[in-house]
Amino acid sequence: MNDTLNRLAALLEQRKTADPQTSYVAKLYAKGIDSILKKVGEEAAETIIAAKNGDKEHLVYETADLWFHTLIMLAYADLKPQDVLDELSRREGLSGLAEKASRQEGNAE
């Protein structure tokens, strides 16, 4: 896994016990999952707008915000970036259509 992701994941874990008065991430954790998810949604919308506008620099900036807040969401759920990377590795080489169909079959049960 990328060193940046490792360092960021470790920092996000540390922030779980930090003072919400001095840490933005600790403040999000203290507010709970709904506030974290709201922030992920806001960042997703901003990323979509940046992509639609064709501004590559702004798209990178907004995607970084989206990834950061998504990592907070994962950490809140006691998941690591490696869990997502493992899932991507599992899907590697699979047809996207076949993978989606297998998920839909599992939902029908």
PDB file of N, CA and C in Angstrom:
ATOM      1  N   MET A   1       0.850  -1.174   0.000  1.00  0.00           N
ATOM      2  CA  MET A   1       0.000   0.000   0.000  1.00  0.00           C
ATOM      3  C   MET A   1       0.895   1.236   0.000  1.00  0.00           C
ATOM      4  N   ASN A   2       0.409   2.259  -0.607  1.00  0.00           N
ATOM      5  CA  ASN A   2       1.132   3.514  -0.699  1.00  0.00           C
ATOM      6  C   ASN A   2       1.493   4.028   0.695  1.00  0.00           C
ATOM      7  N   ASP A   3       2.705   4.535   0.849  1.00  0.00           N
ATOM      8  CA  ASP A   3       3.156   5.057   2.148  1.00  0.00           C
ATOM      9  C   ASP A   3       2.263   6.185   2.649  1.00  0.00           C
ATOM     10  N   THR A   4       1.784   7.022   1.752  1.00  0.00           N
ATOM     11  CA  THR A   4       0.905   8.123   2.154  1.00  0.00           C
ATOM     12  C   THR A   4      -0.363   7.580   2.792  1.00  0.00           C
ATOM     13  N   LEU A   5      -0.953   6.549   2.186  1.00  0.00           N
ATOM     14  CA  LEU A   5      -2.161   5.950   2.756  1.00  0.00           C
ATOM     15  C   LEU A   5      -1.873   5.329   4.117  1.00  0.00           C
ATOM     16  N   ASN A   6      -0.741   4.666   4.249  1.00  0.00           N
ATOM     17  CA  ASN A   6      -0.370   4.078   5.541  1.00  0.00           C
ATOM     18  C   ASN A   6      -0.235   5.142   6.620  1.00  0.00           C
ATOM     19  N   ARG A   7       0.465   6.211   6.300  1.00  0.00           N
ATOM     20  CA  ARG A   7       0.664   7.287   7.280  1.00  0.00           C
ATOM     21  C   ARG A   7      -0.667   7.952   7.632  1.00  0.00           C
ATOM     22  N   LEU A   8      -1.476   8.189   6.627  1.00  0.00           N
ATOM     23  CA  LEU A   8      -2.762   8.833   6.868  1.00  0.00           C
ATOM     24  C   LEU A   8      -3.680   7.931   7.688  1.00  0.00           C
ATOM     25  N   ALA A   9      -3.704   6.641   7.385  1.00  0.00           N
ATOM     26  CA  ALA A   9      -4.530   5.705   8.152  1.00  0.00           C
ATOM     27  C   ALA A   9      -4.095   5.679   9.619  1.00  0.00           C
ATOM     28  N   ALA A  10      -2.796   5.685   9.851  1.00  0.00           N
ATOM     29  CA  ALA A  10      -2.288   5.692  11.234  1.00  0.00           C
ATOM     30  C   ALA A  10      -2.678   6.990  11.941  1.00  0.00           C
ATOM     31  N   LEU A  11      -2.568   8.109  11.255  1.00  0.00           N
ATOM     32  CA  LEU A  11      -2.945   9.387  11.835  1.00  0.00           C
ATOM     33  C   LEU A  11      -4.439   9.420  12.168  1.00  0.00           C
ATOM     34  N   LEU A  12      -5.269   8.906  11.270  1.00  0.00           N
ATOM     35  CA  LEU A  12      -6.714   8.889  11.517  1.00  0.00           C
ATOM     36  C   LEU A  12      -7.059   8.015  12.721  1.00  0.00           C
ATOM     37  N   GLU A  13      -6.330   6.938  12.915  1.00  0.00           N
ATOM     38  CA  GLU A  13      -6.531   6.102  14.110  1.00  0.00           C
ATOM     39  C   GLU A  13      -6.163   6.881  15.375  1.00  0.00           C
ATOM     40  N   GLN A  14      -5.051   7.602  15.331  1.00  0.00           N
ATOM     41  CA  GLN A  14      -4.623   8.406  16.482  1.00  0.00           C
ATOM     42  C   GLN A  14      -5.661   9.472  16.828  1.00  0.00           C
ATOM     43  N   ARG A  15      -6.282  10.027  15.816  1.00  0.00           N
ATOM     44  CA  ARG A  15      -7.253  11.099  16.033  1.00  0.00           C
ATOM     45  C   ARG A  15      -8.525  10.613  16.729  1.00  0.00           C
ATOM     46  N   LYS A  16      -8.747   9.308  16.767  1.00  0.00           N
ATOM     47  CA  LYS A  16      -9.929   8.782  17.459  1.00  0.00           C
ATOM     48  C   LYS A  16      -9.905   9.142  18.943  1.00  0.00           C
ATOM     49  N   THR A  17      -8.716   9.322  19.500  1.00  0.00           N
ATOM     50  CA  THR A  17      -8.595   9.642  20.925  1.00  0.00           C
ATOM     51  C   THR A  17      -8.144  11.085  21.152  1.00  0.00           C
ATOM     52  N   ALA A  18      -8.088  11.864  20.092  1.00  0.00           N
ATOM     53  CA  ALA A  18      -7.650  13.257  20.211  1.00  0.00           C
ATOM     54  C   ALA A  18      -8.791  14.132  20.729  1.00  0.00           C
ATOM     55  N   ASP A  19      -8.437  15.322  21.131  1.00  0.00           N
ATOM     56  CA  ASP A  19      -9.394  16.295  21.639  1.00  0.00           C
ATOM     57  C   ASP A  19     -10.164  16.921  20.468  1.00  0.00           C
ATOM     58  N   PRO A  20     -11.481  16.787  20.455  1.00  0.00           N
ATOM     59  CA  PRO A  20     -12.276  17.386  19.371  1.00  0.00           C
ATOM     60  C   PRO A  20     -12.134  18.905  19.284  1.00  0.00           C
ATOM     61  N   GLN A  21     -11.660  19.531  20.339  1.00  0.00           N
ATOM     62  CA  GLN A  21     -11.458  20.978  20.326  1.00  0.00           C
ATOM     63  C   GLN A  21     -10.206  21.381  19.543  1.00  0.00           C
ATOM     64  N   THR A  22      -9.303  20.415  19.348  1.00  0.00           N
ATOM     65  CA  THR A  22      -8.035  20.741  18.686  1.00  0.00           C
ATOM     66  C   THR A  22      -7.803  19.963  17.401  1.00  0.00           C
ATOM     67  N   SER A  23      -8.719  19.042  17.046  1.00  0.00           N
ATOM     68  CA  SER A  23      -8.535  18.209  15.859  1.00  0.00           C
ATOM     69  C   SER A  23      -9.833  18.145  15.053  1.00  0.00           C
ATOM     70  N   TYR A  24      -9.740  18.534  13.792  1.00  0.00           N
ATOM     71  CA  TYR A  24     -10.888  18.464  12.894  1.00  0.00           C
ATOM     72  C   TYR A  24     -11.410  17.040  12.791  1.00  0.00           C
ATOM     73  N   VAL A  25     -10.501  16.076  12.628  1.00  0.00           N
ATOM     74  CA  VAL A  25     -10.898  14.679  12.485  1.00  0.00           C
ATOM     75  C   VAL A  25     -11.546  14.171  13.771  1.00  0.00           C
ATOM     76  N   ALA A  26     -10.964  14.483  14.911  1.00  0.00           N
ATOM     77  CA  ALA A  26     -11.553  14.076  16.194  1.00  0.00           C
ATOM     78  C   ALA A  26     -12.937  14.680  16.358  1.00  0.00           C
ATOM     79  N   LYS A  27     -13.110  15.895  15.896  1.00  0.00           N
ATOM     80  CA  LYS A  27     -14.418  16.552  15.965  1.00  0.00           C
ATOM     81  C   LYS A  27     -15.436  15.810  15.106  1.00  0.00           C
ATOM     82  N   LEU A  28     -15.030  15.378  13.912  1.00  0.00           N
ATOM     83  CA  LEU A  28     -15.930  14.580  13.067  1.00  0.00           C
ATOM     84  C   LEU A  28     -16.284  13.260  13.746  1.00  0.00           C
ATOM     85  N   TYR A  29     -15.280  12.581  14.294  1.00  0.00           N
ATOM     86  CA  TYR A  29     -15.545  11.331  15.016  1.00  0.00           C
ATOM     87  C   TYR A  29     -16.543  11.562  16.145  1.00  0.00           C
ATOM     88  N   ALA A  30     -16.356  12.639  16.895  1.00  0.00           N
ATOM     89  CA  ALA A  30     -17.229  12.932  18.039  1.00  0.00           C
ATOM     90  C   ALA A  30     -18.664  13.200  17.593  1.00  0.00           C
ATOM     91  N   LYS A  31     -18.827  13.795  16.432  1.00  0.00           N
ATOM     92  CA  LYS A  31     -20.170  14.081  15.915  1.00  0.00           C
ATOM     93  C   LYS A  31     -20.878  12.813  15.432  1.00  0.00           C
ATOM     94  N   GLY A  32     -20.092  11.780  15.081  1.00  0.00           N
ATOM     95  CA  GLY A  32     -20.681  10.510  14.697  1.00  0.00           C
ATOM     96  C   GLY A  32     -20.776  10.279  13.198  1.00  0.00           C
ATOM     97  N   ILE A  33     -21.273   9.114  12.873  1.00  0.00           N
ATOM     98  CA  ILE A  33     -21.278   8.639  11.488  1.00  0.00           C
ATOM     99  C   ILE A  33     -22.105   9.530  10.567  1.00  0.00           C
ATOM    100  N   ASP A  34     -23.230  10.055  11.045  1.00  0.00           N
ATOM    101  CA  ASP A  34     -24.054  10.886  10.165  1.00  0.00           C
ATOM    102  C   ASP A  34     -23.297  12.126   9.687  1.00  0.00           C
ATOM    103  N   SER A  35     -22.546  12.753  10.564  1.00  0.00           N
ATOM    104  CA  SER A  35     -21.755  13.925  10.170  1.00  0.00           C
ATOM    105  C   SER A  35     -20.632  13.542   9.215  1.00  0.00           C
ATOM    106  N   ILE A  36     -20.027  12.411   9.460  1.00  0.00           N
ATOM    107  CA  ILE A  36     -18.965  11.926   8.566  1.00  0.00           C
ATOM    108  C   ILE A  36     -19.542  11.645   7.188  1.00  0.00           C
ATOM    109  N   LEU A  37     -20.671  10.960   7.138  1.00  0.00           N
ATOM    110  CA  LEU A  37     -21.293  10.621   5.852  1.00  0.00           C
ATOM    111  C   LEU A  37     -21.760  11.874   5.116  1.00  0.00           C
ATOM    112  N   LYS A  38     -22.257  12.846   5.839  1.00  0.00           N
ATOM    113  CA  LYS A  38     -22.658  14.114   5.219  1.00  0.00           C
ATOM    114  C   LYS A  38     -21.455  14.759   4.542  1.00  0.00           C
ATOM    115  N   LYS A  39     -20.324  14.733   5.225  1.00  0.00           N
ATOM    116  CA  LYS A  39     -19.107  15.324   4.662  1.00  0.00           C
ATOM    117  C   LYS A  39     -18.646  14.550   3.432  1.00  0.00           C
ATOM    118  N   VAL A  40     -18.728  13.217   3.470  1.00  0.00           N
ATOM    119  CA  VAL A  40     -18.362  12.406   2.301  1.00  0.00           C
ATOM    120  C   VAL A  40     -19.263  12.777   1.123  1.00  0.00           C
ATOM    121  N   GLY A  41     -20.555  12.924   1.389  1.00  0.00           N
ATOM    122  CA  GLY A  41     -21.488  13.301   0.335  1.00  0.00           C
ATOM    123  C   GLY A  41     -21.184  14.668  -0.251  1.00  0.00           C
ATOM    124  N   GLU A  42     -20.884  15.634   0.604  1.00  0.00           N
ATOM    125  CA  GLU A  42     -20.529  16.980   0.135  1.00  0.00           C
ATOM    126  C   GLU A  42     -19.289  16.931  -0.753  1.00  0.00           C
ATOM    127  N   GLU A  43     -18.292  16.180  -0.299  1.00  0.00           N
ATOM    128  CA  GLU A  43     -17.051  16.095  -1.075  1.00  0.00           C
ATOM    129  C   GLU A  43     -17.268  15.356  -2.392  1.00  0.00           C
ATOM    130  N   ALA A  44     -18.147  14.362  -2.394  1.00  0.00           N
ATOM    131  CA  ALA A  44     -18.459  13.650  -3.636  1.00  0.00           C
ATOM    132  C   ALA A  44     -19.109  14.602  -4.637  1.00  0.00           C
ATOM    133  N   ALA A  45     -20.047  15.414  -4.157  1.00  0.00           N
ATOM    134  CA  ALA A  45     -20.708  16.374  -5.042  1.00  0.00           C
ATOM    135  C   ALA A  45     -19.705  17.386  -5.598  1.00  0.00           C
ATOM    136  N   GLU A  46     -18.808  17.874  -4.754  1.00  0.00           N
ATOM    137  CA  GLU A  46     -17.801  18.833  -5.209  1.00  0.00           C
ATOM    138  C   GLU A  46     -16.853  18.196  -6.226  1.00  0.00           C
ATOM    139  N   THR A  47     -16.556  16.916  -6.049  1.00  0.00           N
ATOM    140  CA  THR A  47     -15.700  16.207  -6.997  1.00  0.00           C
ATOM    141  C   THR A  47     -16.400  16.068  -8.342  1.00  0.00           C
ATOM    142  N   ILE A  48     -17.676  15.744  -8.310  1.00  0.00           N
ATOM    143  CA  ILE A  48     -18.451  15.619  -9.545  1.00  0.00           C
ATOM    144  C   ILE A  48     -18.481  16.951 -10.300  1.00  0.00           C
ATOM    145  N   ILE A  49     -18.701  18.026  -9.583  1.00  0.00           N
ATOM    146  CA  ILE A  49     -18.745  19.355 -10.212  1.00  0.00           C
ATOM    147  C   ILE A  49     -17.391  19.696 -10.836  1.00  0.00           C
ATOM    148  N   ALA A  50     -16.318  19.415 -10.109  1.00  0.00           N
ATOM    149  CA  ALA A  50     -14.979  19.686 -10.644  1.00  0.00           C
ATOM    150  C   ALA A  50     -14.722  18.874 -11.912  1.00  0.00           C
ATOM    151  N   ALA A  51     -15.158  17.618 -11.918  1.00  0.00           N
ATOM    152  CA  ALA A  51     -14.975  16.776 -13.110  1.00  0.00           C
ATOM    153  C   ALA A  51     -15.796  17.318 -14.271  1.00  0.00           C
ATOM    154  N   LYS A  52     -17.017  17.704 -13.989  1.00  0.00           N
ATOM    155  CA  LYS A  52     -17.911  18.236 -15.015  1.00  0.00           C
ATOM    156  C   LYS A  52     -17.353  19.521 -15.610  1.00  0.00           C
ATOM    157  N   ASN A  53     -16.718  20.339 -14.772  1.00  0.00           N
ATOM    158  CA  ASN A  53     -16.155  21.612 -15.236  1.00  0.00           C
ATOM    159  C   ASN A  53     -14.851  21.448 -16.005  1.00  0.00           C
ATOM    160  N   GLY A  54     -14.250  20.257 -15.941  1.00  0.00           N
ATOM    161  CA  GLY A  54     -13.039  19.988 -16.711  1.00  0.00           C
ATOM    162  C   GLY A  54     -11.783  20.639 -16.167  1.00  0.00           C
ATOM    163  N   ASP A  55     -11.812  21.086 -14.927  1.00  0.00           N
ATOM    164  CA  ASP A  55     -10.654  21.720 -14.297  1.00  0.00           C
ATOM    165  C   ASP A  55      -9.844  20.634 -13.586  1.00  0.00           C
ATOM    166  N   LYS A  56      -8.787  20.183 -14.224  1.00  0.00           N
ATOM    167  CA  LYS A  56      -8.016  19.048 -13.695  1.00  0.00           C
ATOM    168  C   LYS A  56      -7.413  19.339 -12.329  1.00  0.00           C
ATOM    169  N   GLU A  57      -6.884  20.530 -12.133  1.00  0.00           N
ATOM    170  CA  GLU A  57      -6.279  20.866 -10.845  1.00  0.00           C
ATOM    171  C   GLU A  57      -7.327  20.836  -9.730  1.00  0.00           C
ATOM    172  N   HIS A  58      -8.485  21.402 -10.004  1.00  0.00           N
ATOM    173  CA  HIS A  58      -9.555  21.406  -9.014  1.00  0.00           C
ATOM    174  C   HIS A  58     -10.085  19.990  -8.793  1.00  0.00           C
ATOM    175  N   LEU A  59     -10.133  19.196  -9.842  1.00  0.00           N
ATOM    176  CA  LEU A  59     -10.582  17.807  -9.721  1.00  0.00           C
ATOM    177  C   LEU A  59      -9.646  17.018  -8.800  1.00  0.00           C
ATOM    178  N   VAL A  60      -8.359  17.199  -8.951  1.00  0.00           N
ATOM    179  CA  VAL A  60      -7.396  16.518  -8.072  1.00  0.00           C
ATOM    180  C   VAL A  60      -7.606  16.972  -6.628  1.00  0.00           C
ATOM    181  N   TYR A  61      -7.763  18.269  -6.420  1.00  0.00           N
ATOM    182  CA  TYR A  61      -7.966  18.825  -5.089  1.00  0.00           C
ATOM    183  C   TYR A  61      -9.222  18.245  -4.437  1.00  0.00           C
ATOM    184  N   GLU A  62     -10.325  18.243  -5.173  1.00  0.00           N
ATOM    185  CA  GLU A  62     -11.587  17.742  -4.627  1.00  0.00           C
ATOM    186  C   GLU A  62     -11.554  16.225  -4.421  1.00  0.00           C
ATOM    187  N   THR A  63     -10.869  15.514  -5.298  1.00  0.00           N
ATOM    188  CA  THR A  63     -10.741  14.064  -5.126  1.00  0.00           C
ATOM    189  C   THR A  63      -9.931  13.756  -3.870  1.00  0.00           C
ATOM    190  N   ALA A  64      -8.908  14.544  -3.603  1.00  0.00           N
ATOM    191  CA  ALA A  64      -8.128  14.367  -2.367  1.00  0.00           C
ATOM    192  C   ALA A  64      -9.028  14.569  -1.152  1.00  0.00           C
ATOM    193  N   ASP A  65      -9.884  15.600  -1.188  1.00  0.00           N
ATOM    194  CA  ASP A  65     -10.831  15.819  -0.084  1.00  0.00           C
ATOM    195  C   ASP A  65     -11.784  14.634   0.062  1.00  0.00           C
ATOM    196  N   LEU A  66     -12.269  14.131  -1.067  1.00  0.00           N
ATOM    197  CA  LEU A  66     -13.191  12.990  -1.038  1.00  0.00           C
ATOM    198  C   LEU A  66     -12.504  11.760  -0.457  1.00  0.00           C
ATOM    199  N   TRP A  67     -11.312  11.471  -0.928  1.00  0.00           N
ATOM    200  CA  TRP A  67     -10.576  10.316  -0.404  1.00  0.00           C
ATOM    201  C   TRP A  67     -10.311  10.476   1.082  1.00  0.00           C
ATOM    202  N   PHE A  68      -9.902  11.669   1.506  1.00  0.00           N
ATOM    203  CA  PHE A  68      -9.607  11.917   2.919  1.00  0.00           C
ATOM    204  C   PHE A  68     -10.834  11.623   3.782  1.00  0.00           C
ATOM    205  N   HIS A  69     -11.960  12.163   3.392  1.00  0.00           N
ATOM    206  CA  HIS A  69     -13.169  11.960   4.193  1.00  0.00           C
ATOM    207  C   HIS A  69     -13.678  10.524   4.104  1.00  0.00           C
ATOM    208  N   THR A  70     -13.446   9.873   2.982  1.00  0.00           N
ATOM    209  CA  THR A  70     -13.785   8.452   2.865  1.00  0.00           C
ATOM    210  C   THR A  70     -12.900   7.625   3.798  1.00  0.00           C
ATOM    211  N   LEU A  71     -11.641   7.993   3.918  1.00  0.00           N
ATOM    212  CA  LEU A  71     -10.746   7.299   4.849  1.00  0.00           C
ATOM    213  C   LEU A  71     -11.190   7.505   6.293  1.00  0.00           C
ATOM    214  N   ILE A  72     -11.702   8.687   6.613  1.00  0.00           N
ATOM    215  CA  ILE A  72     -12.254   8.917   7.952  1.00  0.00           C
ATOM    216  C   ILE A  72     -13.442   7.992   8.176  1.00  0.00           C
ATOM    217  N   MET A  73     -14.313   7.877   7.174  1.00  0.00           N
ATOM    218  CA  MET A  73     -15.476   6.990   7.265  1.00  0.00           C
ATOM    219  C   MET A  73     -15.032   5.540   7.510  1.00  0.00           C
ATOM    220  N   LEU A  74     -14.034   5.095   6.754  1.00  0.00           N
ATOM    221  CA  LEU A  74     -13.534   3.727   6.925  1.00  0.00           C
ATOM    222  C   LEU A  74     -12.946   3.537   8.323  1.00  0.00           C
ATOM    223  N   ALA A  75     -12.148   4.488   8.776  1.00  0.00           N
ATOM    224  CA  ALA A  75     -11.536   4.380  10.103  1.00  0.00           C
ATOM    225  C   ALA A  75     -12.610   4.346  11.185  1.00  0.00           C
ATOM    226  N   TYR A  76     -13.642   5.138  11.036  1.00  0.00           N
ATOM    227  CA  TYR A  76     -14.745   5.146  12.002  1.00  0.00           C
ATOM    228  C   TYR A  76     -15.375   3.752  12.102  1.00  0.00           C
ATOM    229  N   ALA A  77     -15.418   3.057  10.951  1.00  0.00           N
ATOM    230  CA  ALA A  77     -15.982   1.706  10.894  1.00  0.00           C
ATOM    231  C   ALA A  77     -14.943   0.632  11.212  1.00  0.00           C
ATOM    232  N   ASP A  78     -13.769   1.054  11.699  1.00  0.00           N
ATOM    233  CA  ASP A  78     -12.662   0.138  12.017  1.00  0.00           C
ATOM    234  C   ASP A  78     -12.191  -0.650  10.795  1.00  0.00           C
ATOM    235  N   LEU A  79     -12.180   0.027   9.667  1.00  0.00           N
ATOM    236  CA  LEU A  79     -11.640  -0.549   8.432  1.00  0.00           C
ATOM    237  C   LEU A  79     -10.404   0.240   8.028  1.00  0.00           C
ATOM    238  N   LYS A  80      -9.566  -0.395   7.237  1.00  0.00           N
ATOM    239  CA  LYS A  80      -8.317   0.208   6.784  1.00  0.00           C
ATOM    240  C   LYS A  80      -8.360   0.377   5.258  1.00  0.00           C
ATOM    241  N   PRO A  81      -7.535   1.285   4.733  1.00  0.00           N
ATOM    242  CA  PRO A  81      -7.446   1.391   3.273  1.00  0.00           C
ATOM    243  C   PRO A  81      -7.105   0.047   2.623  1.00  0.00           C
ATOM    244  N   GLN A  82      -6.319  -0.761   3.322  1.00  0.00           N
ATOM    245  CA  GLN A  82      -5.937  -2.058   2.762  1.00  0.00           C
ATOM    246  C   GLN A  82      -7.153  -2.944   2.519  1.00  0.00           C
ATOM    247  N   ASP A  83      -8.196  -2.804   3.323  1.00  0.00           N
ATOM    248  CA  ASP A  83      -9.415  -3.590   3.107  1.00  0.00           C
ATOM    249  C   ASP A  83     -10.023  -3.271   1.748  1.00  0.00           C
ATOM    250  N   VAL A  84     -10.029  -2.008   1.366  1.00  0.00           N
ATOM    251  CA  VAL A  84     -10.560  -1.607   0.061  1.00  0.00           C
ATOM    252  C   VAL A  84      -9.620  -2.062  -1.048  1.00  0.00           C
ATOM    253  N   LEU A  85      -8.320  -1.907  -0.821  1.00  0.00           N
ATOM    254  CA  LEU A  85      -7.351  -2.359  -1.823  1.00  0.00           C
ATOM    255  C   LEU A  85      -7.441  -3.866  -2.039  1.00  0.00           C
ATOM    256  N   ASP A  86      -7.671  -4.614  -0.967  1.00  0.00           N
ATOM    257  CA  ASP A  86      -7.840  -6.066  -1.104  1.00  0.00           C
ATOM    258  C   ASP A  86      -9.064  -6.402  -1.955  1.00  0.00           C
ATOM    259  N   GLU A  87     -10.143  -5.652  -1.764  1.00  0.00           N
ATOM    260  CA  GLU A  87     -11.348  -5.877  -2.563  1.00  0.00           C
ATOM    261  C   GLU A  87     -11.097  -5.534  -4.025  1.00  0.00           C
ATOM    262  N   LEU A  88     -10.374  -4.462  -4.272  1.00  0.00           N
ATOM    263  CA  LEU A  88     -10.026  -4.121  -5.661  1.00  0.00           C
ATOM    264  C   LEU A  88      -9.156  -5.207  -6.285  1.00  0.00           C
ATOM    265  N   SER A  89      -8.232  -5.747  -5.517  1.00  0.00           N
ATOM    266  CA  SER A  89      -7.381  -6.834  -6.013  1.00  0.00           C
ATOM    267  C   SER A  89      -8.213  -8.065  -6.323  1.00  0.00           C
ATOM    268  N   ARG A  90      -9.201  -8.346  -5.472  1.00  0.00           N
ATOM    269  CA  ARG A  90     -10.066  -9.493  -5.704  1.00  0.00           C
ATOM    270  C   ARG A  90     -10.808  -9.344  -7.032  1.00  0.00           C
ATOM    271  N   ARG A  91     -11.199  -8.132  -7.346  1.00  0.00           N
ATOM    272  CA  ARG A  91     -11.963  -7.874  -8.564  1.00  0.00           C
ATOM    273  C   ARG A  91     -11.097  -7.782  -9.811  1.00  0.00           C
ATOM    274  N   GLU A  92      -9.793  -7.611  -9.614  1.00  0.00           N
ATOM    275  CA  GLU A  92      -8.893  -7.444 -10.748  1.00  0.00           C
ATOM    276  C   GLU A  92      -8.998  -8.637 -11.688  1.00  0.00           C
ATOM    277  N   GLY A  93      -9.163  -8.357 -12.942  1.00  0.00           N
ATOM    278  CA  GLY A  93      -9.263  -9.418 -13.939  1.00  0.00           C
ATOM    279  C   GLY A  93     -10.675  -9.929 -14.132  1.00  0.00           C
ATOM    280  N   LEU A  94     -11.597  -9.527 -13.262  1.00  0.00           N
ATOM    281  CA  LEU A  94     -12.994  -9.916 -13.440  1.00  0.00           C
ATOM    282  C   LEU A  94     -13.655  -8.952 -14.405  1.00  0.00           C
ATOM    283  N   SER A  95     -14.566  -9.468 -15.182  1.00  0.00           N
ATOM    284  CA  SER A  95     -15.385  -8.602 -16.016  1.00  0.00           C
ATOM    285  C   SER A  95     -16.250  -7.755 -15.093  1.00  0.00           C
ATOM    286  N   GLY A  96     -16.288  -6.465 -15.334  1.00  0.00           N
ATOM    287  CA  GLY A  96     -17.133  -5.589 -14.530  1.00  0.00           C
ATOM    288  C   GLY A  96     -18.591  -5.992 -14.602  1.00  0.00           C
ATOM    289  N   LEU A  97     -19.028  -6.412 -15.764  1.00  0.00           N
ATOM    290  CA  LEU A  97     -20.421  -6.837 -15.915  1.00  0.00           C
ATOM    291  C   LEU A  97     -20.689  -8.119 -15.143  1.00  0.00           C
ATOM    292  N   ALA A  98     -19.741  -9.056 -15.182  1.00  0.00           N
ATOM    293  CA  ALA A  98     -19.911 -10.318 -14.451  1.00  0.00           C
ATOM    294  C   ALA A  98     -19.884 -10.071 -12.942  1.00  0.00           C
ATOM    295  N   GLU A  99     -19.003  -9.181 -12.496  1.00  0.00           N
ATOM    296  CA  GLU A  99     -18.914  -8.885 -11.066  1.00  0.00           C
ATOM    297  C   GLU A  99     -20.208  -8.242 -10.588  1.00  0.00           C
ATOM    298  N   LYS A 100     -20.750  -7.329 -11.373  1.00  0.00           N
ATOM    299  CA  LYS A 100     -21.997  -6.667 -10.992  1.00  0.00           C
ATOM    300  C   LYS A 100     -23.150  -7.669 -10.973  1.00  0.00           C
ATOM    301  N   ALA A 101     -23.190  -8.562 -11.941  1.00  0.00           N
ATOM    302  CA  ALA A 101     -24.249  -9.573 -11.990  1.00  0.00           C
ATOM    303  C   ALA A 101     -24.168 -10.494 -10.783  1.00  0.00           C
ATOM    304  N   SER A 102     -22.951 -10.826 -10.333  1.00  0.00           N
ATOM    305  CA  SER A 102     -22.816 -11.715  -9.176  1.00  0.00           C
ATOM    306  C   SER A 102     -23.326 -11.025  -7.917  1.00  0.00           C
ATOM    307  N   ARG A 103     -23.148  -9.713  -7.816  1.00  0.00           N
ATOM    308  CA  ARG A 103     -23.670  -8.971  -6.662  1.00  0.00           C
ATOM    309  C   ARG A 103     -25.192  -8.931  -6.699  1.00  0.00           C
ATOM    310  N   GLN A 104     -25.774  -8.774  -7.884  1.00  0.00           N
ATOM    311  CA  GLN A 104     -27.217  -8.714  -7.998  1.00  0.00           C
ATOM    312  C   GLN A 104     -27.849 -10.058  -7.680  1.00  0.00           C
ATOM    313  N   GLU A 105     -27.192 -11.153  -8.090  1.00  0.00           N
ATOM    314  CA  GLU A 105     -27.691 -12.491  -7.757  1.00  0.00           C
ATOM    315  C   GLU A 105     -27.669 -12.703  -6.251  1.00  0.00           C
ATOM    316  N   GLY A 106     -26.615 -12.217  -5.575  1.00  0.00           N
ATOM    317  CA  GLY A 106     -26.519 -12.354  -4.131  1.00  0.00           C
ATOM    318  C   GLY A 106     -27.585 -11.551  -3.413  1.00  0.00           C
ATOM    319  N   ASN A 107     -28.013 -10.435  -3.996  1.00  0.00           N
ATOM    320  CA  ASN A 107     -29.049  -9.611  -3.383  1.00  0.00           C
ATOM    321  C   ASN A 107     -30.432 -10.206  -3.551  1.00  0.00           C
ATOM    322  N   ALA A 108     -30.601 -11.104  -4.521  1.00  0.00           N
ATOM    323  CA  ALA A 108     -31.912 -11.693  -4.782  1.00  0.00           C
ATOM    324  C   ALA A 108     -32.270 -12.746  -3.742  1.00  0.00           C
ATOM    325  N   GLU A 109     -31.274 -13.219  -3.021  1.00  0.00           N
ATOM    326  CA  GLU A 109     -31.534 -14.289  -2.054  1.00  0.00           C
ATOM    327  C   GLU A 109     -32.214 -13.801  -0.811  1.00  0.00           C
TER     328      GLU A 109
END
